[in-house]
């Protein structure tokens, strides 16, 4: 993780439903989806499925993955990797939980393959 990354406060953890998501708009075409698979865990991914660009934030969270609402691809929340047999990767972003608050940096943790 980049020690020089700028962290920004996003929301209270309670603002993200358990097994749900919330979208952070960071600019045109730069939406980041925050997922909360458990009471005390949050992950951040680009809100774009690596398959056809479907909005991952509208998918179903189950365990540590989200299912794309367009074609059913399962994406791992921790790595952004598509689950086999599918292949691809959604960009992930570091998240921190601080006293019930969600903090995000816009420095990607994993670069999406070209």
N, C-alpha and C. Protein backbone atom coordinates (compact mmCIF):
# COMPACT_ATOMS: atom_id res chain seq x y z
N UNK A 1 0.84 -1.17 0.00
CA UNK A 1 0.00 0.00 0.00
C UNK A 1 0.89 1.23 0.00
N UNK A 2 0.53 2.26 -0.75
CA UNK A 2 1.29 3.49 -0.89
C UNK A 2 1.18 4.33 0.38
N UNK A 3 2.32 4.56 1.04
CA UNK A 3 2.31 5.34 2.28
C UNK A 3 1.92 6.79 2.04
N UNK A 4 2.05 7.25 0.80
CA UNK A 4 1.71 8.64 0.47
C UNK A 4 0.27 8.79 -0.03
N UNK A 5 -0.48 7.72 -0.02
CA UNK A 5 -1.86 7.78 -0.51
C UNK A 5 -2.68 8.73 0.36
N UNK A 6 -3.54 9.48 -0.28
CA UNK A 6 -4.46 10.37 0.43
C UNK A 6 -5.73 9.60 0.75
N UNK A 7 -6.11 9.61 2.01
CA UNK A 7 -7.32 8.92 2.45
C UNK A 7 -8.44 9.92 2.59
N UNK A 8 -9.64 9.52 2.16
CA UNK A 8 -10.80 10.39 2.31
C UNK A 8 -11.91 9.65 3.05
N UNK A 9 -12.59 10.39 3.92
CA UNK A 9 -13.73 9.83 4.64
C UNK A 9 -14.87 9.65 3.64
N UNK A 10 -15.52 8.48 3.69
CA UNK A 10 -16.60 8.19 2.76
C UNK A 10 -17.96 8.20 3.46
N UNK A 11 -18.08 7.42 4.53
CA UNK A 11 -19.36 7.30 5.22
C UNK A 11 -19.16 6.52 6.51
N UNK A 12 -20.21 6.45 7.30
CA UNK A 12 -20.22 5.56 8.46
C UNK A 12 -20.46 4.15 7.94
N UNK A 13 -19.89 3.16 8.61
CA UNK A 13 -20.06 1.78 8.15
C UNK A 13 -21.54 1.39 8.12
N UNK A 14 -22.34 1.95 9.01
CA UNK A 14 -23.78 1.65 9.04
C UNK A 14 -24.51 2.15 7.80
N UNK A 15 -23.88 3.05 7.04
CA UNK A 15 -24.50 3.56 5.80
C UNK A 15 -24.41 2.56 4.65
N UNK A 16 -23.65 1.48 4.86
CA UNK A 16 -23.57 0.41 3.87
C UNK A 16 -24.27 -0.80 4.47
N UNK A 17 -25.35 -1.26 3.86
CA UNK A 17 -26.06 -2.40 4.44
C UNK A 17 -25.20 -3.67 4.40
N UNK A 18 -25.32 -4.50 5.44
CA UNK A 18 -24.64 -5.80 5.42
C UNK A 18 -25.19 -6.59 4.23
N UNK A 19 -24.28 -7.20 3.48
CA UNK A 19 -24.58 -7.91 2.23
C UNK A 19 -25.09 -6.96 1.14
N UNK A 20 -24.70 -5.69 1.26
CA UNK A 20 -25.10 -4.68 0.29
C UNK A 20 -23.93 -3.85 -0.16
N UNK A 21 -24.26 -2.73 -0.82
CA UNK A 21 -23.21 -1.87 -1.36
C UNK A 21 -23.64 -0.41 -1.33
N UNK A 22 -22.67 0.43 -1.61
CA UNK A 22 -22.90 1.86 -1.75
C UNK A 22 -21.91 2.34 -2.81
N UNK A 23 -22.32 3.29 -3.65
CA UNK A 23 -21.47 3.79 -4.72
C UNK A 23 -20.89 5.15 -4.34
N UNK A 24 -19.59 5.30 -4.57
CA UNK A 24 -18.91 6.57 -4.39
C UNK A 24 -18.58 7.09 -5.78
N UNK A 25 -19.09 8.26 -6.12
CA UNK A 25 -18.82 8.85 -7.43
C UNK A 25 -17.57 9.70 -7.35
N UNK A 26 -16.56 9.31 -8.13
CA UNK A 26 -15.26 9.98 -8.08
C UNK A 26 -14.98 10.78 -9.34
N UNK A 27 -15.94 10.91 -10.21
CA UNK A 27 -15.78 11.63 -11.46
C UNK A 27 -16.50 10.88 -12.56
N UNK A 28 -16.54 11.47 -13.76
CA UNK A 28 -17.23 10.80 -14.88
C UNK A 28 -16.64 9.42 -15.16
N UNK A 29 -17.46 8.41 -15.05
CA UNK A 29 -17.03 7.04 -15.31
C UNK A 29 -16.08 6.48 -14.28
N UNK A 30 -15.99 7.09 -13.12
CA UNK A 30 -15.05 6.67 -12.08
C UNK A 30 -15.76 6.25 -10.80
N UNK A 31 -16.84 5.52 -10.90
CA UNK A 31 -17.58 5.09 -9.72
C UNK A 31 -16.87 3.93 -9.03
N UNK A 32 -16.87 3.97 -7.70
CA UNK A 32 -16.30 2.91 -6.88
C UNK A 32 -17.42 2.35 -6.03
N UNK A 33 -17.54 1.03 -6.02
CA UNK A 33 -18.56 0.35 -5.21
C UNK A 33 -17.94 -0.13 -3.91
N UNK A 34 -18.56 0.22 -2.80
CA UNK A 34 -18.15 -0.27 -1.48
C UNK A 34 -19.08 -1.42 -1.11
N UNK A 35 -18.52 -2.56 -0.75
CA UNK A 35 -19.30 -3.74 -0.40
C UNK A 35 -19.05 -4.09 1.06
N UNK A 36 -20.11 -4.52 1.73
CA UNK A 36 -20.02 -4.90 3.15
C UNK A 36 -20.54 -6.33 3.31
N UNK A 37 -19.66 -7.34 3.14
CA UNK A 37 -20.10 -8.73 3.24
C UNK A 37 -20.35 -9.20 4.67
N UNK A 38 -19.86 -8.45 5.65
CA UNK A 38 -20.05 -8.80 7.06
C UNK A 38 -20.09 -7.50 7.86
N UNK A 39 -20.51 -7.60 9.10
CA UNK A 39 -20.71 -6.41 9.94
C UNK A 39 -19.48 -5.52 10.02
N UNK A 40 -18.28 -6.14 10.05
CA UNK A 40 -17.06 -5.36 10.28
C UNK A 40 -16.07 -5.43 9.12
N UNK A 41 -16.56 -5.67 7.90
CA UNK A 41 -15.68 -5.79 6.72
C UNK A 41 -16.24 -4.98 5.57
N UNK A 42 -15.35 -4.25 4.88
CA UNK A 42 -15.73 -3.45 3.72
C UNK A 42 -14.65 -3.62 2.65
N UNK A 43 -15.07 -3.74 1.40
CA UNK A 43 -14.16 -3.83 0.26
C UNK A 43 -14.58 -2.78 -0.76
N UNK A 44 -13.62 -2.32 -1.57
CA UNK A 44 -13.90 -1.32 -2.61
C UNK A 44 -13.39 -1.82 -3.96
N UNK A 45 -14.28 -1.80 -4.94
CA UNK A 45 -13.94 -2.20 -6.30
C UNK A 45 -14.49 -1.17 -7.28
N UNK A 46 -13.84 -1.05 -8.42
CA UNK A 46 -14.42 -0.25 -9.50
C UNK A 46 -15.80 -0.82 -9.78
N UNK A 47 -16.79 0.04 -9.94
CA UNK A 47 -18.17 -0.41 -10.14
C UNK A 47 -18.39 -0.81 -11.59
N UNK A 48 -17.56 -1.76 -12.04
CA UNK A 48 -17.60 -2.17 -13.45
C UNK A 48 -17.10 -3.60 -13.55
N UNK A 49 -17.96 -4.49 -13.97
CA UNK A 49 -17.58 -5.88 -14.17
C UNK A 49 -16.55 -5.98 -15.30
N UNK A 50 -15.50 -6.81 -15.13
CA UNK A 50 -14.51 -6.93 -16.20
C UNK A 50 -15.04 -7.62 -17.46
N UNK A 51 -16.21 -8.21 -17.39
CA UNK A 51 -16.77 -8.91 -18.55
C UNK A 51 -17.36 -7.93 -19.55
N UNK A 52 -18.43 -7.25 -19.18
CA UNK A 52 -19.11 -6.33 -20.10
C UNK A 52 -19.42 -5.00 -19.44
N UNK A 53 -18.79 -4.72 -18.30
CA UNK A 53 -18.96 -3.41 -17.67
C UNK A 53 -20.21 -3.25 -16.83
N UNK A 54 -20.85 -4.34 -16.46
CA UNK A 54 -22.06 -4.26 -15.64
C UNK A 54 -21.79 -3.62 -14.29
N UNK A 55 -22.79 -2.98 -13.70
CA UNK A 55 -22.61 -2.31 -12.40
C UNK A 55 -22.56 -3.31 -11.26
N UNK A 56 -21.38 -3.59 -10.76
CA UNK A 56 -21.22 -4.56 -9.69
C UNK A 56 -22.01 -4.17 -8.45
N UNK A 57 -22.19 -2.87 -8.21
CA UNK A 57 -22.92 -2.40 -7.03
C UNK A 57 -24.37 -2.87 -7.02
N UNK A 58 -24.88 -3.28 -8.17
CA UNK A 58 -26.25 -3.77 -8.24
C UNK A 58 -26.33 -5.29 -8.17
N UNK A 59 -25.18 -5.93 -7.94
CA UNK A 59 -25.14 -7.37 -7.85
C UNK A 59 -25.47 -7.88 -6.47
N UNK A 60 -25.49 -9.20 -6.34
CA UNK A 60 -25.80 -9.85 -5.08
C UNK A 60 -24.50 -10.23 -4.39
N UNK A 61 -24.35 -9.79 -3.13
CA UNK A 61 -23.18 -10.11 -2.32
C UNK A 61 -23.45 -11.42 -1.59
N UNK A 62 -22.53 -12.36 -1.74
CA UNK A 62 -22.65 -13.65 -1.06
C UNK A 62 -21.26 -14.08 -0.62
N UNK A 63 -21.09 -14.25 0.68
CA UNK A 63 -19.75 -14.57 1.17
C UNK A 63 -18.82 -13.42 0.85
N UNK A 64 -17.69 -13.73 0.24
CA UNK A 64 -16.70 -12.71 -0.12
C UNK A 64 -16.68 -12.45 -1.62
N UNK A 65 -17.84 -12.55 -2.27
CA UNK A 65 -17.91 -12.26 -3.70
C UNK A 65 -19.22 -11.54 -4.02
N UNK A 66 -19.24 -10.94 -5.21
CA UNK A 66 -20.44 -10.28 -5.71
C UNK A 66 -20.73 -10.87 -7.09
N UNK A 67 -22.00 -11.07 -7.39
CA UNK A 67 -22.41 -11.60 -8.68
C UNK A 67 -22.87 -10.45 -9.56
N UNK A 68 -22.26 -10.30 -10.73
CA UNK A 68 -22.64 -9.23 -11.65
C UNK A 68 -24.09 -9.43 -12.07
N UNK A 69 -24.89 -8.35 -12.06
CA UNK A 69 -26.30 -8.49 -12.40
C UNK A 69 -26.56 -8.72 -13.89
N UNK A 70 -25.57 -8.48 -14.74
CA UNK A 70 -25.82 -8.65 -16.18
C UNK A 70 -25.67 -10.08 -16.67
N UNK A 71 -24.57 -10.74 -16.33
CA UNK A 71 -24.32 -12.07 -16.88
C UNK A 71 -23.89 -13.10 -15.84
N UNK A 72 -24.00 -12.75 -14.55
CA UNK A 72 -23.78 -13.74 -13.50
C UNK A 72 -22.34 -14.06 -13.17
N UNK A 73 -21.40 -13.24 -13.62
CA UNK A 73 -20.00 -13.49 -13.22
C UNK A 73 -19.85 -13.24 -11.73
N UNK A 74 -19.06 -14.07 -11.06
CA UNK A 74 -18.75 -13.89 -9.64
C UNK A 74 -17.37 -13.25 -9.52
N UNK A 75 -17.31 -12.16 -8.77
CA UNK A 75 -16.08 -11.40 -8.60
C UNK A 75 -15.69 -11.43 -7.12
N UNK A 76 -14.46 -11.85 -6.83
CA UNK A 76 -13.95 -11.88 -5.45
C UNK A 76 -13.78 -10.45 -4.95
N UNK A 77 -14.32 -10.16 -3.77
CA UNK A 77 -14.27 -8.80 -3.24
C UNK A 77 -12.86 -8.40 -2.79
N UNK A 78 -12.07 -9.35 -2.33
CA UNK A 78 -10.74 -8.99 -1.82
C UNK A 78 -9.72 -8.74 -2.93
N UNK A 79 -9.85 -9.41 -4.06
CA UNK A 79 -8.85 -9.31 -5.13
C UNK A 79 -9.41 -8.70 -6.43
N UNK A 80 -10.73 -8.69 -6.59
CA UNK A 80 -11.33 -8.23 -7.84
C UNK A 80 -11.29 -9.27 -8.94
N UNK A 81 -10.71 -10.45 -8.66
CA UNK A 81 -10.59 -11.50 -9.67
C UNK A 81 -11.93 -12.18 -9.93
N UNK A 82 -12.19 -12.44 -11.21
CA UNK A 82 -13.35 -13.23 -11.58
C UNK A 82 -13.11 -14.67 -11.13
N UNK A 83 -14.13 -15.32 -10.63
CA UNK A 83 -14.03 -16.70 -10.17
C UNK A 83 -14.14 -17.64 -11.36
N UNK A 84 -13.33 -18.69 -11.38
CA UNK A 84 -13.30 -19.67 -12.47
C UNK A 84 -14.70 -20.22 -12.73
N UNK A 85 -15.06 -20.45 -13.96
CA UNK A 85 -14.19 -20.50 -15.13
C UNK A 85 -13.97 -19.13 -15.80
N UNK A 86 -14.57 -18.08 -15.28
CA UNK A 86 -14.44 -16.76 -15.88
C UNK A 86 -13.06 -16.18 -15.59
N UNK A 87 -12.61 -15.29 -16.46
CA UNK A 87 -11.28 -14.71 -16.33
C UNK A 87 -11.39 -13.19 -16.48
N UNK A 88 -10.77 -12.47 -15.58
CA UNK A 88 -10.76 -11.00 -15.63
C UNK A 88 -10.58 -10.47 -14.23
N UNK A 89 -10.39 -9.15 -14.13
CA UNK A 89 -10.14 -8.56 -12.83
C UNK A 89 -10.71 -7.15 -12.78
N UNK A 90 -11.45 -6.86 -11.73
CA UNK A 90 -11.94 -5.51 -11.47
C UNK A 90 -10.92 -4.81 -10.59
N UNK A 91 -10.71 -3.54 -10.83
CA UNK A 91 -9.76 -2.76 -10.02
C UNK A 91 -10.25 -2.69 -8.58
N UNK A 92 -9.33 -2.89 -7.64
CA UNK A 92 -9.67 -2.79 -6.22
C UNK A 92 -9.00 -1.55 -5.62
N UNK A 93 -9.57 -1.07 -4.53
CA UNK A 93 -9.05 0.12 -3.85
C UNK A 93 -8.93 -0.19 -2.35
N UNK A 94 -7.85 0.29 -1.72
CA UNK A 94 -7.69 0.08 -0.28
C UNK A 94 -8.77 0.81 0.52
N UNK A 95 -9.25 0.15 1.56
CA UNK A 95 -10.26 0.71 2.46
C UNK A 95 -9.75 0.54 3.88
N UNK A 96 -10.05 1.51 4.72
CA UNK A 96 -9.74 1.39 6.15
C UNK A 96 -11.01 1.66 6.94
N UNK A 97 -11.16 0.93 8.04
CA UNK A 97 -12.23 1.20 8.99
C UNK A 97 -11.60 1.84 10.21
N UNK A 98 -12.09 3.02 10.56
CA UNK A 98 -11.56 3.75 11.72
C UNK A 98 -12.73 4.16 12.60
N UNK A 99 -12.87 3.52 13.74
CA UNK A 99 -13.93 3.86 14.70
C UNK A 99 -15.31 3.95 14.04
N UNK A 100 -15.64 2.95 13.23
CA UNK A 100 -16.95 2.90 12.60
C UNK A 100 -17.09 3.77 11.37
N UNK A 101 -15.98 4.34 10.90
CA UNK A 101 -16.00 5.18 9.70
C UNK A 101 -15.24 4.47 8.58
N UNK A 102 -15.70 4.66 7.34
CA UNK A 102 -15.06 4.05 6.18
C UNK A 102 -14.21 5.11 5.49
N UNK A 103 -12.94 4.80 5.28
CA UNK A 103 -11.99 5.66 4.60
C UNK A 103 -11.49 4.94 3.35
N UNK A 104 -11.29 5.70 2.28
CA UNK A 104 -10.93 5.14 0.98
C UNK A 104 -9.80 5.97 0.38
N UNK A 105 -8.89 5.30 -0.33
CA UNK A 105 -7.91 6.01 -1.13
C UNK A 105 -8.17 5.67 -2.59
N UNK A 106 -7.93 6.63 -3.46
CA UNK A 106 -8.19 6.43 -4.89
C UNK A 106 -7.00 5.83 -5.61
N UNK A 107 -5.96 5.48 -4.86
CA UNK A 107 -4.81 4.79 -5.45
C UNK A 107 -5.19 3.32 -5.57
N UNK A 108 -5.34 2.80 -6.79
CA UNK A 108 -5.77 1.40 -6.93
C UNK A 108 -4.81 0.43 -6.28
N UNK A 109 -5.34 -0.60 -5.67
CA UNK A 109 -4.53 -1.66 -5.06
C UNK A 109 -4.08 -2.65 -6.13
N UNK A 110 -4.92 -2.87 -7.14
CA UNK A 110 -4.63 -3.81 -8.23
C UNK A 110 -4.94 -3.09 -9.53
N UNK A 111 -4.00 -3.09 -10.43
CA UNK A 111 -4.23 -2.48 -11.74
C UNK A 111 -4.96 -3.46 -12.63
N UNK A 112 -5.97 -2.97 -13.31
CA UNK A 112 -6.75 -3.80 -14.23
C UNK A 112 -5.90 -4.07 -15.45
N UNK A 113 -5.89 -5.31 -15.92
CA UNK A 113 -5.12 -5.66 -17.11
C UNK A 113 -5.69 -4.97 -18.33
N UNK A 114 -4.82 -4.57 -19.24
CA UNK A 114 -5.26 -3.88 -20.45
C UNK A 114 -5.84 -4.84 -21.46
